[in-house]
Amino acid sequence: MSNTCIIGCDEMRERGIDTSFYEYNRVPGIYKAVIDLMAESRKKGTLRVFLTFSDGRKILAPVYWWQKYLGFYERAPGENVLLEYKKIEDGRVFLVSADTNEEEDVPYEIL
């Protein structure tokens, strides 16, 4: 495992990590979440971030080099984050920001 707690596809397979129950978030808004796992994608320039939203949903969020990985390379599993998802013109929903969330009294979901 790397110093940033990001693993590769081969390591995920070796450890038998099952991520099949993670889904994409398709609803724009601001969400509180915990980082479960971060893995480098086989597709160069993409980081897959596995999250548990405060409502219990398991979410997979791809982040890209052109987003400067939204700071996830400086984070570790177990950290709380406040995420913002926005809908773009074609209707798809993307993660656009991820901030450190250390406040416990922040609402779980703000729409």
C-alpha atoms as a PDB file:
ATOM      1  CA  MET A   1       0.000   0.000   0.000  1.00  0.00           C
ATOM      2  CA  SER A   2       1.250   3.471  -0.772  1.00  0.00           C
ATOM      3  CA  ASN A   3       1.874   6.224   1.764  1.00  0.00           C
ATOM      4  CA  THR A   4      -1.361   7.926   0.689  1.00  0.00           C
ATOM      5  CA  CYS A   5      -3.462   4.810   1.398  1.00  0.00           C
ATOM      6  CA  ILE A   6      -4.350   4.413  -2.272  1.00  0.00           C
ATOM      7  CA  ILE A   7      -4.217   0.890  -3.630  1.00  0.00           C
ATOM      8  CA  GLY A   8      -4.111  -0.479  -7.151  1.00  0.00           C
ATOM      9  CA  CYS A   9      -6.412  -2.873  -8.990  1.00  0.00           C
ATOM     10  CA  ASP A  10      -4.043  -5.820  -8.457  1.00  0.00           C
ATOM     11  CA  GLU A  11      -3.913  -5.229  -4.708  1.00  0.00           C
ATOM     12  CA  MET A  12      -7.704  -5.034  -4.536  1.00  0.00           C
ATOM     13  CA  ARG A  13      -7.933  -8.393  -6.288  1.00  0.00           C
ATOM     14  CA  GLU A  14      -5.247  -9.968  -4.058  1.00  0.00           C
ATOM     15  CA  ARG A  15      -7.080  -8.803  -0.927  1.00  0.00           C
ATOM     16  CA  GLY A  16     -10.432  -9.983  -2.249  1.00  0.00           C
ATOM     17  CA  ILE A  17     -12.021  -6.560  -1.833  1.00  0.00           C
ATOM     18  CA  ASP A  18     -15.579  -6.596  -3.210  1.00  0.00           C
ATOM     19  CA  THR A  19     -16.864  -3.196  -4.328  1.00  0.00           C
ATOM     20  CA  SER A  20     -19.773  -4.461  -6.435  1.00  0.00           C
ATOM     21  CA  PHE A  21     -22.342  -2.919  -4.069  1.00  0.00           C
ATOM     22  CA  TYR A  22     -21.064   0.640  -4.606  1.00  0.00           C
ATOM     23  CA  GLU A  23     -23.133   2.783  -6.979  1.00  0.00           C
ATOM     24  CA  TYR A  24     -22.768   6.186  -8.609  1.00  0.00           C
ATOM     25  CA  ASN A  25     -24.546   9.134  -7.047  1.00  0.00           C
ATOM     26  CA  ARG A  26     -27.051  10.520  -9.530  1.00  0.00           C
ATOM     27  CA  VAL A  27     -28.590  13.257  -7.362  1.00  0.00           C
ATOM     28  CA  PRO A  28     -27.001  16.731  -7.212  1.00  0.00           C
ATOM     29  CA  GLY A  29     -26.484  18.216  -3.772  1.00  0.00           C
ATOM     30  CA  ILE A  30     -24.112  18.477  -0.842  1.00  0.00           C
ATOM     31  CA  TYR A  31     -23.409  15.325   1.160  1.00  0.00           C
ATOM     32  CA  LYS A  32     -21.478  14.310   4.225  1.00  0.00           C
ATOM     33  CA  ALA A  33     -19.482  11.103   3.726  1.00  0.00           C
ATOM     34  CA  VAL A  34     -16.647   8.950   5.025  1.00  0.00           C
ATOM     35  CA  ILE A  35     -13.876   7.686   2.742  1.00  0.00           C
ATOM     36  CA  ASP A  36     -13.881   3.872   2.737  1.00  0.00           C
ATOM     37  CA  LEU A  37     -11.214   3.131   0.152  1.00  0.00           C
ATOM     38  CA  MET A  38      -9.290   4.809  -2.646  1.00  0.00           C
ATOM     39  CA  ALA A  39      -7.965   2.907  -5.647  1.00  0.00           C
ATOM     40  CA  GLU A  40      -6.097   3.884  -8.761  1.00  0.00           C
ATOM     41  CA  SER A  41      -8.029   3.000 -11.866  1.00  0.00           C
ATOM     42  CA  ARG A  42      -6.517   1.129 -14.761  1.00  0.00           C
ATOM     43  CA  LYS A  43      -7.544   4.138 -16.810  1.00  0.00           C
ATOM     44  CA  LYS A  44      -4.668   6.556 -16.389  1.00  0.00           C
ATOM     45  CA  GLY A  45      -5.576   9.840 -14.732  1.00  0.00           C
ATOM     46  CA  THR A  46      -8.582   8.515 -12.794  1.00  0.00           C
ATOM     47  CA  LEU A  47      -8.864   7.790  -9.075  1.00  0.00           C
ATOM     48  CA  ARG A  48     -11.798   5.755  -7.757  1.00  0.00           C
ATOM     49  CA  VAL A  49     -12.999   6.875  -4.328  1.00  0.00           C
ATOM     50  CA  PHE A  50     -15.344   4.565  -2.416  1.00  0.00           C
ATOM     51  CA  LEU A  51     -17.513   6.423   0.083  1.00  0.00           C
ATOM     52  CA  THR A  52     -20.243   5.813   2.617  1.00  0.00           C
ATOM     53  CA  PHE A  53     -22.724   8.663   2.650  1.00  0.00           C
ATOM     54  CA  SER A  54     -24.220   9.650   5.982  1.00  0.00           C
ATOM     55  CA  ASP A  55     -27.544   8.111   4.887  1.00  0.00           C
ATOM     56  CA  GLY A  56     -25.789   4.730   4.508  1.00  0.00           C
ATOM     57  CA  ARG A  57     -25.489   4.661   0.715  1.00  0.00           C
ATOM     58  CA  LYS A  58     -22.273   3.190  -0.684  1.00  0.00           C
ATOM     59  CA  ILE A  59     -21.053   5.487  -3.460  1.00  0.00           C
ATOM     60  CA  LEU A  60     -18.257   5.208  -6.018  1.00  0.00           C
ATOM     61  CA  ALA A  61     -16.900   8.580  -7.132  1.00  0.00           C
ATOM     62  CA  PRO A  62     -14.407   8.812  -9.982  1.00  0.00           C
ATOM     63  CA  VAL A  63     -12.125  11.850  -9.739  1.00  0.00           C
ATOM     64  CA  TYR A  64      -9.817  12.965 -12.505  1.00  0.00           C
ATOM     65  CA  TRP A  65      -6.394  14.512 -13.016  1.00  0.00           C
ATOM     66  CA  TRP A  66      -7.962  17.668 -14.498  1.00  0.00           C
ATOM     67  CA  GLN A  67      -9.834  18.094 -11.201  1.00  0.00           C
ATOM     68  CA  LYS A  68      -6.485  17.786  -9.400  1.00  0.00           C
ATOM     69  CA  TYR A  69      -8.090  14.703  -7.846  1.00  0.00           C
ATOM     70  CA  LEU A  70     -10.081  17.078  -5.581  1.00  0.00           C
ATOM     71  CA  GLY A  71      -7.405  16.666  -2.909  1.00  0.00           C
ATOM     72  CA  PHE A  72      -8.052  12.955  -2.320  1.00  0.00           C
ATOM     73  CA  TYR A  73      -4.342  12.115  -2.623  1.00  0.00           C
ATOM     74  CA  GLU A  74      -3.865  14.136   0.583  1.00  0.00           C
ATOM     75  CA  ARG A  75      -6.635  12.246   2.415  1.00  0.00           C
ATOM     76  CA  ALA A  76      -6.923   8.770   3.921  1.00  0.00           C
ATOM     77  CA  PRO A  77      -9.660   6.182   4.460  1.00  0.00           C
ATOM     78  CA  GLY A  78     -11.763   6.984   7.520  1.00  0.00           C
ATOM     79  CA  GLU A  79     -11.698  10.743   6.948  1.00  0.00           C
ATOM     80  CA  ASN A  80     -14.932  12.724   6.828  1.00  0.00           C
ATOM     81  CA  VAL A  81     -15.566  14.821   3.724  1.00  0.00           C
ATOM     82  CA  LEU A  82     -18.235  17.224   2.573  1.00  0.00           C
ATOM     83  CA  LEU A  83     -18.989  16.574  -1.100  1.00  0.00           C
ATOM     84  CA  GLU A  84     -20.753  18.672  -3.710  1.00  0.00           C
ATOM     85  CA  TYR A  85     -22.324  17.065  -6.767  1.00  0.00           C
ATOM     86  CA  LYS A  86     -23.617  19.145  -9.695  1.00  0.00           C
ATOM     87  CA  LYS A  87     -25.642  18.273 -12.781  1.00  0.00           C
ATOM     88  CA  ILE A  88     -24.134  19.245 -16.118  1.00  0.00           C
ATOM     89  CA  GLU A  89     -25.991  20.190 -19.309  1.00  0.00           C
ATOM     90  CA  ASP A  90     -26.335  16.629 -20.619  1.00  0.00           C
ATOM     91  CA  GLY A  91     -27.971  15.521 -17.348  1.00  0.00           C
ATOM     92  CA  ARG A  92     -25.041  13.647 -15.820  1.00  0.00           C
ATOM     93  CA  VAL A  93     -24.096  14.331 -12.193  1.00  0.00           C
ATOM     94  CA  PHE A  94     -20.447  14.842 -11.216  1.00  0.00           C
ATOM     95  CA  LEU A  95     -18.514  15.322  -8.008  1.00  0.00           C
ATOM     96  CA  VAL A  96     -17.155  18.879  -8.214  1.00  0.00           C
ATOM     97  CA  SER A  97     -15.701  19.514  -4.756  1.00  0.00           C
ATOM     98  CA  ALA A  98     -14.558  17.660  -1.659  1.00  0.00           C
ATOM     99  CA  ASP A  99     -13.766  19.545   1.511  1.00  0.00           C
ATOM    100  CA  THR A 100     -12.522  18.327   4.850  1.00  0.00           C
ATOM    101  CA  ASN A 101     -15.480  17.997   7.190  1.00  0.00           C
ATOM    102  CA  GLU A 102     -14.495  18.047  10.836  1.00  0.00           C
ATOM    103  CA  GLU A 103     -17.748  19.486  12.174  1.00  0.00           C
ATOM    104  CA  GLU A 104     -20.032  16.894  13.716  1.00  0.00           C
ATOM    105  CA  ASP A 105     -23.121  19.128  13.746  1.00  0.00           C
ATOM    106  CA  VAL A 106     -23.224  19.610   9.949  1.00  0.00           C
ATOM    107  CA  PRO A 107     -26.501  18.265   8.531  1.00  0.00           C
ATOM    108  CA  TYR A 108     -26.161  14.922   6.800  1.00  0.00           C
ATOM    109  CA  GLU A 109     -27.544  16.157   3.544  1.00  0.00           C
ATOM    110  CA  ILE A 110     -28.158  19.696   2.379  1.00  0.00           C
ATOM    111  CA  LEU A 111     -30.244  20.200  -0.749  1.00  0.00           C
END
